[in-house]
Amino acid sequence: MALYYLETSALVKLYFREQGTDRLIAVTATSTGNQLTILSLAKAEFRSMVRRRQRNGEIAAKIADWLTETFQMHVDTRFLVQPVTDYAVDLACTLIDRHNLRAYDAIQLAGYMTLVPSSTESPIFVCSDRDLLLAATKEGGAVLDPTT
């Protein structure tokens, strides 16, 4: 049993078939006993991605509604939700100074890094963004890119 922190680029693979979906499904299956953590910010990022695909005509409105409802059910029942704290935002600023990261990516990594001290086992940072994975690795995090 392990603790996986799902950054949004990986999280969406549970809801949309993409490269890495099969691997992520295997890691997150309830039968594994693995715990899954997301940052509270991921709720807005996920909804934005779903509605953007709806507006672009990639998915129908009913599918978009179903996806957002299903995701919310998983937030309520399956995911541990890590809050965005002032400390995480301050840490994100430091990470931006050290790495080539966009603001929300830095906040995601900071959320993961603030999770580490409160956990009994080292969480695994699951992400599909190469710059973010590189930064997480340089910060000493255990990483998993489901696309590799």
N, C-alpha and C. Protein backbone atom coordinates (compact mmCIF):
# COMPACT_ATOMS: atom_id res chain seq x y z
N MET A 1 0.85 -1.18 0.00
CA MET A 1 0.00 0.00 0.00
C MET A 1 0.89 1.24 0.00
N ALA A 2 0.53 2.20 -0.84
CA ALA A 2 1.33 3.43 -0.97
C ALA A 2 0.40 4.64 -1.02
N LEU A 3 0.99 5.81 -0.86
CA LEU A 3 0.27 7.06 -0.94
C LEU A 3 0.67 7.77 -2.23
N TYR A 4 -0.29 8.04 -3.09
CA TYR A 4 -0.06 8.69 -4.37
C TYR A 4 -0.72 10.06 -4.38
N TYR A 5 0.07 11.06 -4.74
CA TYR A 5 -0.42 12.43 -4.89
C TYR A 5 -0.64 12.64 -6.38
N LEU A 6 -1.90 12.82 -6.78
CA LEU A 6 -2.24 12.92 -8.19
C LEU A 6 -2.33 14.38 -8.62
N GLU A 7 -1.31 14.85 -9.34
CA GLU A 7 -1.34 16.18 -9.94
C GLU A 7 -2.34 16.11 -11.10
N THR A 8 -2.92 17.22 -11.47
CA THR A 8 -4.05 17.24 -12.40
C THR A 8 -3.74 16.62 -13.76
N SER A 9 -2.52 16.78 -14.27
CA SER A 9 -2.19 16.20 -15.58
C SER A 9 -2.29 14.68 -15.55
N ALA A 10 -2.09 14.08 -14.40
CA ALA A 10 -2.26 12.64 -14.25
C ALA A 10 -3.70 12.31 -13.87
N LEU A 11 -4.28 13.10 -13.01
CA LEU A 11 -5.64 12.86 -12.53
C LEU A 11 -6.64 12.72 -13.68
N VAL A 12 -6.52 13.55 -14.69
CA VAL A 12 -7.49 13.51 -15.80
C VAL A 12 -7.45 12.19 -16.54
N LYS A 13 -6.36 11.45 -16.44
CA LYS A 13 -6.24 10.17 -17.12
C LYS A 13 -7.18 9.12 -16.53
N LEU A 14 -7.70 9.37 -15.34
CA LEU A 14 -8.70 8.47 -14.76
C LEU A 14 -10.08 8.68 -15.39
N TYR A 15 -10.26 9.80 -16.08
CA TYR A 15 -11.58 10.16 -16.61
C TYR A 15 -11.60 10.27 -18.13
N PHE A 16 -10.44 10.42 -18.74
CA PHE A 16 -10.32 10.50 -20.19
C PHE A 16 -9.23 9.53 -20.63
N ARG A 17 -9.53 8.74 -21.64
CA ARG A 17 -8.55 7.79 -22.14
C ARG A 17 -7.43 8.56 -22.84
N GLU A 18 -6.25 8.47 -22.25
CA GLU A 18 -5.05 9.12 -22.77
C GLU A 18 -3.89 8.17 -22.58
N GLN A 19 -2.73 8.52 -23.13
CA GLN A 19 -1.54 7.75 -22.87
C GLN A 19 -1.30 7.77 -21.35
N GLY A 20 -1.14 6.60 -20.77
CA GLY A 20 -0.91 6.49 -19.34
C GLY A 20 -2.14 6.11 -18.53
N THR A 21 -3.31 6.11 -19.16
CA THR A 21 -4.54 5.79 -18.44
C THR A 21 -4.49 4.39 -17.83
N ASP A 22 -4.08 3.39 -18.60
CA ASP A 22 -4.08 2.02 -18.09
C ASP A 22 -3.17 1.87 -16.88
N ARG A 23 -2.00 2.49 -16.94
CA ARG A 23 -1.07 2.40 -15.81
C ARG A 23 -1.65 3.09 -14.58
N LEU A 24 -2.26 4.24 -14.78
CA LEU A 24 -2.83 4.98 -13.65
C LEU A 24 -4.01 4.22 -13.05
N ILE A 25 -4.83 3.61 -13.87
CA ILE A 25 -5.95 2.81 -13.37
C ILE A 25 -5.42 1.66 -12.51
N ALA A 26 -4.34 1.03 -12.94
CA ALA A 26 -3.77 -0.07 -12.17
C ALA A 26 -3.26 0.40 -10.81
N VAL A 27 -2.63 1.56 -10.77
CA VAL A 27 -2.07 2.10 -9.52
C VAL A 27 -3.17 2.53 -8.56
N THR A 28 -4.28 3.05 -9.11
CA THR A 28 -5.32 3.62 -8.26
C THR A 28 -6.49 2.68 -7.96
N ALA A 29 -6.43 1.47 -8.48
CA ALA A 29 -7.51 0.51 -8.23
C ALA A 29 -7.72 0.32 -6.74
N THR A 30 -8.97 0.28 -6.31
CA THR A 30 -9.24 0.13 -4.88
C THR A 30 -8.67 -1.17 -4.33
N SER A 31 -8.53 -2.18 -5.16
CA SER A 31 -8.00 -3.47 -4.71
C SER A 31 -6.53 -3.37 -4.28
N THR A 32 -5.81 -2.33 -4.71
CA THR A 32 -4.41 -2.17 -4.31
C THR A 32 -4.27 -1.68 -2.88
N GLY A 33 -5.32 -1.03 -2.37
CA GLY A 33 -5.26 -0.44 -1.05
C GLY A 33 -4.49 0.86 -1.02
N ASN A 34 -4.04 1.34 -2.17
CA ASN A 34 -3.30 2.60 -2.23
C ASN A 34 -4.20 3.77 -1.85
N GLN A 35 -3.61 4.76 -1.20
CA GLN A 35 -4.33 5.99 -0.87
C GLN A 35 -4.01 7.03 -1.94
N LEU A 36 -5.02 7.84 -2.26
CA LEU A 36 -4.89 8.83 -3.31
C LEU A 36 -5.16 10.21 -2.75
N THR A 37 -4.24 11.13 -3.02
CA THR A 37 -4.38 12.50 -2.55
C THR A 37 -4.39 13.44 -3.73
N ILE A 38 -5.23 14.46 -3.66
CA ILE A 38 -5.23 15.54 -4.65
C ILE A 38 -5.16 16.86 -3.89
N LEU A 39 -4.73 17.89 -4.57
CA LEU A 39 -4.75 19.22 -4.02
C LEU A 39 -6.14 19.80 -4.24
N SER A 40 -6.64 20.57 -3.29
CA SER A 40 -7.98 21.15 -3.45
C SER A 40 -8.10 21.95 -4.75
N LEU A 41 -7.03 22.56 -5.19
CA LEU A 41 -7.00 23.29 -6.45
C LEU A 41 -7.36 22.41 -7.65
N ALA A 42 -7.08 21.12 -7.55
CA ALA A 42 -7.36 20.19 -8.64
C ALA A 42 -8.85 20.13 -8.97
N LYS A 43 -9.69 20.44 -7.99
CA LYS A 43 -11.14 20.44 -8.27
C LYS A 43 -11.48 21.48 -9.32
N ALA A 44 -10.92 22.67 -9.20
CA ALA A 44 -11.16 23.72 -10.20
C ALA A 44 -10.45 23.41 -11.52
N GLU A 45 -9.24 22.89 -11.44
CA GLU A 45 -8.50 22.55 -12.66
C GLU A 45 -9.22 21.46 -13.45
N PHE A 46 -9.73 20.45 -12.75
CA PHE A 46 -10.44 19.37 -13.42
C PHE A 46 -11.71 19.89 -14.10
N ARG A 47 -12.50 20.66 -13.37
CA ARG A 47 -13.74 21.20 -13.93
C ARG A 47 -13.44 22.09 -15.14
N SER A 48 -12.40 22.90 -15.06
CA SER A 48 -12.01 23.75 -16.17
C SER A 48 -11.69 22.92 -17.40
N MET A 49 -10.95 21.83 -17.21
CA MET A 49 -10.59 20.96 -18.32
C MET A 49 -11.81 20.31 -18.94
N VAL A 50 -12.74 19.85 -18.12
CA VAL A 50 -13.96 19.21 -18.64
C VAL A 50 -14.79 20.23 -19.42
N ARG A 51 -15.02 21.39 -18.85
CA ARG A 51 -15.86 22.39 -19.52
C ARG A 51 -15.19 22.93 -20.79
N ARG A 52 -13.86 23.02 -20.78
CA ARG A 52 -13.15 23.45 -21.98
C ARG A 52 -13.35 22.43 -23.11
N ARG A 53 -13.28 21.15 -22.78
CA ARG A 53 -13.51 20.11 -23.79
C ARG A 53 -14.96 20.14 -24.27
N GLN A 54 -15.88 20.45 -23.37
CA GLN A 54 -17.28 20.58 -23.76
C GLN A 54 -17.44 21.74 -24.74
N ARG A 55 -16.91 22.90 -24.38
CA ARG A 55 -17.04 24.10 -25.23
C ARG A 55 -16.36 23.92 -26.58
N ASN A 56 -15.30 23.12 -26.62
CA ASN A 56 -14.60 22.86 -27.88
C ASN A 56 -15.28 21.79 -28.72
N GLY A 57 -16.38 21.23 -28.20
CA GLY A 57 -17.13 20.22 -28.94
C GLY A 57 -16.54 18.82 -28.86
N GLU A 58 -15.58 18.60 -27.97
CA GLU A 58 -14.96 17.28 -27.83
C GLU A 58 -15.85 16.30 -27.06
N ILE A 59 -16.68 16.82 -26.15
CA ILE A 59 -17.61 15.99 -25.40
C ILE A 59 -18.95 16.72 -25.30
N ALA A 60 -20.00 15.93 -25.17
CA ALA A 60 -21.35 16.50 -25.04
C ALA A 60 -21.58 17.03 -23.62
N ALA A 61 -22.53 17.93 -23.50
CA ALA A 61 -22.84 18.54 -22.19
C ALA A 61 -23.22 17.47 -21.17
N LYS A 62 -23.98 16.46 -21.58
CA LYS A 62 -24.37 15.40 -20.63
C LYS A 62 -23.16 14.63 -20.12
N ILE A 63 -22.21 14.39 -21.01
CA ILE A 63 -20.98 13.70 -20.60
C ILE A 63 -20.19 14.59 -19.64
N ALA A 64 -20.09 15.88 -19.95
CA ALA A 64 -19.38 16.81 -19.08
C ALA A 64 -20.01 16.85 -17.69
N ASP A 65 -21.34 16.90 -17.65
CA ASP A 65 -22.04 16.90 -16.36
C ASP A 65 -21.76 15.60 -15.60
N TRP A 66 -21.81 14.48 -16.30
CA TRP A 66 -21.56 13.18 -15.68
C TRP A 66 -20.13 13.12 -15.13
N LEU A 67 -19.17 13.61 -15.91
CA LEU A 67 -17.78 13.61 -15.46
C LEU A 67 -17.58 14.45 -14.21
N THR A 68 -18.17 15.64 -14.18
CA THR A 68 -18.00 16.49 -13.01
C THR A 68 -18.69 15.88 -11.79
N GLU A 69 -19.83 15.25 -11.98
CA GLU A 69 -20.52 14.60 -10.87
C GLU A 69 -19.74 13.39 -10.37
N THR A 70 -19.21 12.59 -11.28
CA THR A 70 -18.42 11.42 -10.90
C THR A 70 -17.16 11.84 -10.17
N PHE A 71 -16.49 12.85 -10.69
CA PHE A 71 -15.29 13.35 -10.03
C PHE A 71 -15.62 13.83 -8.62
N GLN A 72 -16.71 14.58 -8.46
CA GLN A 72 -17.08 15.06 -7.13
C GLN A 72 -17.37 13.90 -6.18
N MET A 73 -17.98 12.85 -6.70
CA MET A 73 -18.23 11.66 -5.88
C MET A 73 -16.89 11.06 -5.41
N HIS A 74 -15.90 11.02 -6.31
CA HIS A 74 -14.59 10.51 -5.94
C HIS A 74 -13.89 11.44 -4.94
N VAL A 75 -14.07 12.74 -5.10
CA VAL A 75 -13.52 13.69 -4.12
C VAL A 75 -14.10 13.40 -2.74
N ASP A 76 -15.39 13.13 -2.71
CA ASP A 76 -16.07 12.89 -1.43
C ASP A 76 -15.76 11.52 -0.82
N THR A 77 -15.45 10.52 -1.66
CA THR A 77 -15.35 9.16 -1.16
C THR A 77 -14.00 8.48 -1.35
N ARG A 78 -13.20 8.92 -2.29
CA ARG A 78 -11.98 8.18 -2.64
C ARG A 78 -10.69 8.96 -2.40
N PHE A 79 -10.72 10.26 -2.68
CA PHE A 79 -9.51 11.06 -2.58
C PHE A 79 -9.38 11.74 -1.22
N LEU A 80 -8.15 11.79 -0.72
CA LEU A 80 -7.84 12.67 0.39
C LEU A 80 -7.54 14.03 -0.25
N VAL A 81 -8.10 15.09 0.28
CA VAL A 81 -7.93 16.41 -0.32
C VAL A 81 -6.98 17.24 0.53
N GLN A 82 -5.86 17.61 -0.07
CA GLN A 82 -4.84 18.43 0.57
C GLN A 82 -5.21 19.90 0.34
N PRO A 83 -5.39 20.69 1.40
CA PRO A 83 -5.75 22.10 1.20
C PRO A 83 -4.58 22.93 0.71
N VAL A 84 -4.90 24.00 0.01
CA VAL A 84 -3.90 24.99 -0.36
C VAL A 84 -3.77 25.94 0.83
N THR A 85 -2.62 25.98 1.41
CA THR A 85 -2.39 26.83 2.58
C THR A 85 -1.48 28.00 2.20
N ASP A 86 -1.42 28.99 3.06
CA ASP A 86 -0.49 30.10 2.84
C ASP A 86 0.95 29.58 2.77
N TYR A 87 1.26 28.60 3.60
CA TYR A 87 2.60 28.02 3.56
C TYR A 87 2.88 27.41 2.18
N ALA A 88 1.90 26.70 1.62
CA ALA A 88 2.09 26.10 0.29
C ALA A 88 2.29 27.17 -0.77
N VAL A 89 1.56 28.28 -0.69
CA VAL A 89 1.72 29.37 -1.64
C VAL A 89 3.11 29.99 -1.50
N ASP A 90 3.57 30.18 -0.28
CA ASP A 90 4.91 30.71 -0.06
C ASP A 90 5.97 29.76 -0.61
N LEU A 91 5.79 28.47 -0.38
CA LEU A 91 6.71 27.48 -0.91
C LEU A 91 6.68 27.48 -2.44
N ALA A 92 5.49 27.64 -3.02
CA ALA A 92 5.37 27.71 -4.48
C ALA A 92 6.18 28.87 -5.04
N CYS A 93 6.19 30.00 -4.35
CA CYS A 93 6.99 31.15 -4.79
C CYS A 93 8.47 30.79 -4.81
N THR A 94 8.92 30.08 -3.79
CA THR A 94 10.31 29.63 -3.75
C THR A 94 10.60 28.66 -4.89
N LEU A 95 9.67 27.75 -5.16
CA LEU A 95 9.85 26.78 -6.23
C LEU A 95 9.92 27.46 -7.60
N ILE A 96 9.14 28.52 -7.78
CA ILE A 96 9.17 29.28 -9.03
C ILE A 96 10.54 29.92 -9.22
N ASP A 97 11.15 30.37 -8.14
CA ASP A 97 12.50 30.95 -8.22
C ASP A 97 13.55 29.90 -8.58
N ARG A 98 13.32 28.65 -8.17
CA ARG A 98 14.31 27.58 -8.38
C ARG A 98 14.11 26.80 -9.67
N HIS A 99 12.89 26.76 -10.18
CA HIS A 99 12.57 25.88 -11.31
C HIS A 99 11.75 26.62 -12.37
N ASN A 100 11.72 26.06 -13.56
CA ASN A 100 10.94 26.60 -14.66
C ASN A 100 9.49 26.11 -14.54
N LEU A 101 8.72 26.74 -13.64
CA LEU A 101 7.36 26.29 -13.35
C LEU A 101 6.35 27.42 -13.52
N ARG A 102 5.17 27.06 -14.01
CA ARG A 102 4.04 27.98 -14.01
C ARG A 102 3.48 28.01 -12.58
N ALA A 103 2.71 29.04 -12.29
CA ALA A 103 2.22 29.26 -10.92
C ALA A 103 1.43 28.07 -10.39
N TYR A 104 0.43 27.60 -11.13
CA TYR A 104 -0.38 26.49 -10.61
C TYR A 104 0.44 25.21 -10.49
N ASP A 105 1.40 25.00 -11.39
CA ASP A 105 2.27 23.83 -11.27
C ASP A 105 3.10 23.91 -10.00
N ALA A 106 3.61 25.09 -9.71
CA ALA A 106 4.38 25.28 -8.48
C ALA A 106 3.51 25.04 -7.24
N ILE A 107 2.28 25.48 -7.29
CA ILE A 107 1.37 25.25 -6.16
C ILE A 107 1.08 23.76 -6.01
N GLN A 108 0.92 23.06 -7.13
CA GLN A 108 0.72 21.60 -7.06
C GLN A 108 1.91 20.92 -6.40
N LEU A 109 3.12 21.29 -6.83
CA LEU A 109 4.31 20.68 -6.25
C LEU A 109 4.44 21.06 -4.77
N ALA A 110 4.14 22.29 -4.44
CA ALA A 110 4.18 22.72 -3.03
C ALA A 110 3.17 21.93 -2.21
N GLY A 111 1.99 21.68 -2.76
CA GLY A 111 1.00 20.87 -2.06
C GLY A 111 1.52 19.48 -1.75
N TYR A 112 2.20 18.91 -2.72
CA TYR A 112 2.82 17.60 -2.53
C TYR A 112 3.90 17.67 -1.45
N MET A 113 4.75 18.69 -1.54
CA MET A 113 5.86 18.81 -0.59
C MET A 113 5.38 19.07 0.83
N THR A 114 4.27 19.76 1.00
CA THR A 114 3.74 19.99 2.35
C THR A 114 3.05 18.75 2.88
N LEU A 115 2.70 17.83 2.00
CA LEU A 115 2.09 16.57 2.42
C LEU A 115 3.14 15.65 3.05
N VAL A 116 4.35 15.71 2.59
CA VAL A 116 5.41 14.79 3.03
C VAL A 116 5.58 14.74 4.54
N PRO A 117 5.76 15.87 5.25
CA PRO A 117 6.00 15.78 6.70
C PRO A 117 4.82 15.23 7.49
N SER A 118 3.62 15.33 6.96
CA SER A 118 2.46 14.87 7.72
C SER A 118 2.11 13.42 7.43
N SER A 119 2.88 12.76 6.61
CA SER A 119 2.58 11.39 6.22
C SER A 119 3.58 10.42 6.84
N THR A 120 3.12 9.22 7.14
CA THR A 120 4.01 8.21 7.68
C THR A 120 4.84 7.55 6.59
N GLU A 121 4.37 7.57 5.37
CA GLU A 121 5.16 7.04 4.26
C GLU A 121 5.32 8.13 3.21
N SER A 122 6.43 8.06 2.49
CA SER A 122 6.69 9.08 1.48
C SER A 122 5.69 8.94 0.34
N PRO A 123 4.97 10.01 0.06
CA PRO A 123 4.02 9.94 -1.05
C PRO A 123 4.75 9.97 -2.39
N ILE A 124 4.09 9.47 -3.40
CA ILE A 124 4.62 9.45 -4.75
C ILE A 124 3.89 10.51 -5.55
N PHE A 125 4.64 11.40 -6.17
CA PHE A 125 4.10 12.49 -6.98
C PHE A 125 3.81 11.95 -8.37
N VAL A 126 2.53 11.89 -8.73
CA VAL A 126 2.12 11.34 -10.02
C VAL A 126 1.76 12.50 -10.94
N CYS A 127 2.45 12.57 -12.07
CA CYS A 127 2.33 13.73 -12.94
C CYS A 127 2.75 13.35 -14.35
N SER A 128 2.23 14.05 -15.34
CA SER A 128 2.61 13.82 -16.73
C SER A 128 3.28 15.02 -17.37
N ASP A 129 3.61 16.02 -16.60
CA ASP A 129 4.27 17.22 -17.09
C ASP A 129 5.77 17.10 -16.83
N ARG A 130 6.57 17.12 -17.89
CA ARG A 130 8.01 16.87 -17.75
C ARG A 130 8.72 17.90 -16.87
N ASP A 131 8.41 19.20 -17.05
CA ASP A 131 9.06 20.23 -16.23
C ASP A 131 8.71 20.04 -14.75
N LEU A 132 7.47 19.71 -14.50
CA LEU A 132 7.03 19.53 -13.12
C LEU A 132 7.65 18.27 -12.50
N LEU A 133 7.75 17.21 -13.28
CA LEU A 133 8.41 15.99 -12.80
C LEU A 133 9.89 16.24 -12.50
N LEU A 134 10.54 16.99 -13.36
CA LEU A 134 11.95 17.32 -13.15
C LEU A 134 12.12 18.12 -11.87
N ALA A 135 11.27 19.12 -11.67
CA ALA A 135 11.34 19.92 -10.45
C ALA A 135 11.09 19.06 -9.21
N ALA A 136 10.11 18.19 -9.28
CA ALA A 136 9.80 17.31 -8.14
C ALA A 136 10.99 16.40 -7.83
N THR A 137 11.62 15.88 -8.86
CA THR A 137 12.78 15.03 -8.66
C THR A 137 13.93 15.81 -8.03
N LYS A 138 14.16 17.02 -8.53
CA LYS A 138 15.23 17.85 -7.96
C LYS A 138 14.95 18.23 -6.51
N GLU A 139 13.68 18.28 -6.14
CA GLU A 139 13.31 18.59 -4.76
C GLU A 139 13.33 17.33 -3.87
N GLY A 140 13.71 16.21 -4.45
CA GLY A 140 13.85 14.98 -3.65
C GLY A 140 12.59 14.12 -3.58
N GLY A 141 11.61 14.41 -4.40
CA GLY A 141 10.37 13.65 -4.37
C GLY A 141 10.45 12.35 -5.15
N ALA A 142 9.67 11.39 -4.72
CA ALA A 142 9.49 10.15 -5.49
C ALA A 142 8.43 10.46 -6.55
N VAL A 143 8.70 10.13 -7.80
CA VAL A 143 7.80 10.52 -8.88
C VAL A 143 7.38 9.30 -9.70
N LEU A 144 6.23 9.47 -10.34
CA LEU A 144 5.71 8.49 -11.28
C LEU A 144 5.07 9.22 -12.43
N ASP A 145 5.55 8.97 -13.63
CA ASP A 145 4.93 9.47 -14.85
C ASP A 145 4.17 8.29 -15.45
N PRO A 146 2.84 8.31 -15.41
CA PRO A 146 2.10 7.16 -15.91
C PRO A 146 2.26 6.92 -17.41
N THR A 147 2.81 7.90 -18.13
CA THR A 147 2.98 7.73 -19.57
C THR A 147 4.27 7.00 -19.94
N THR A 148 5.13 6.73 -18.96
CA THR A 148 6.39 6.06 -19.28
C THR A 148 6.35 4.59 -18.86
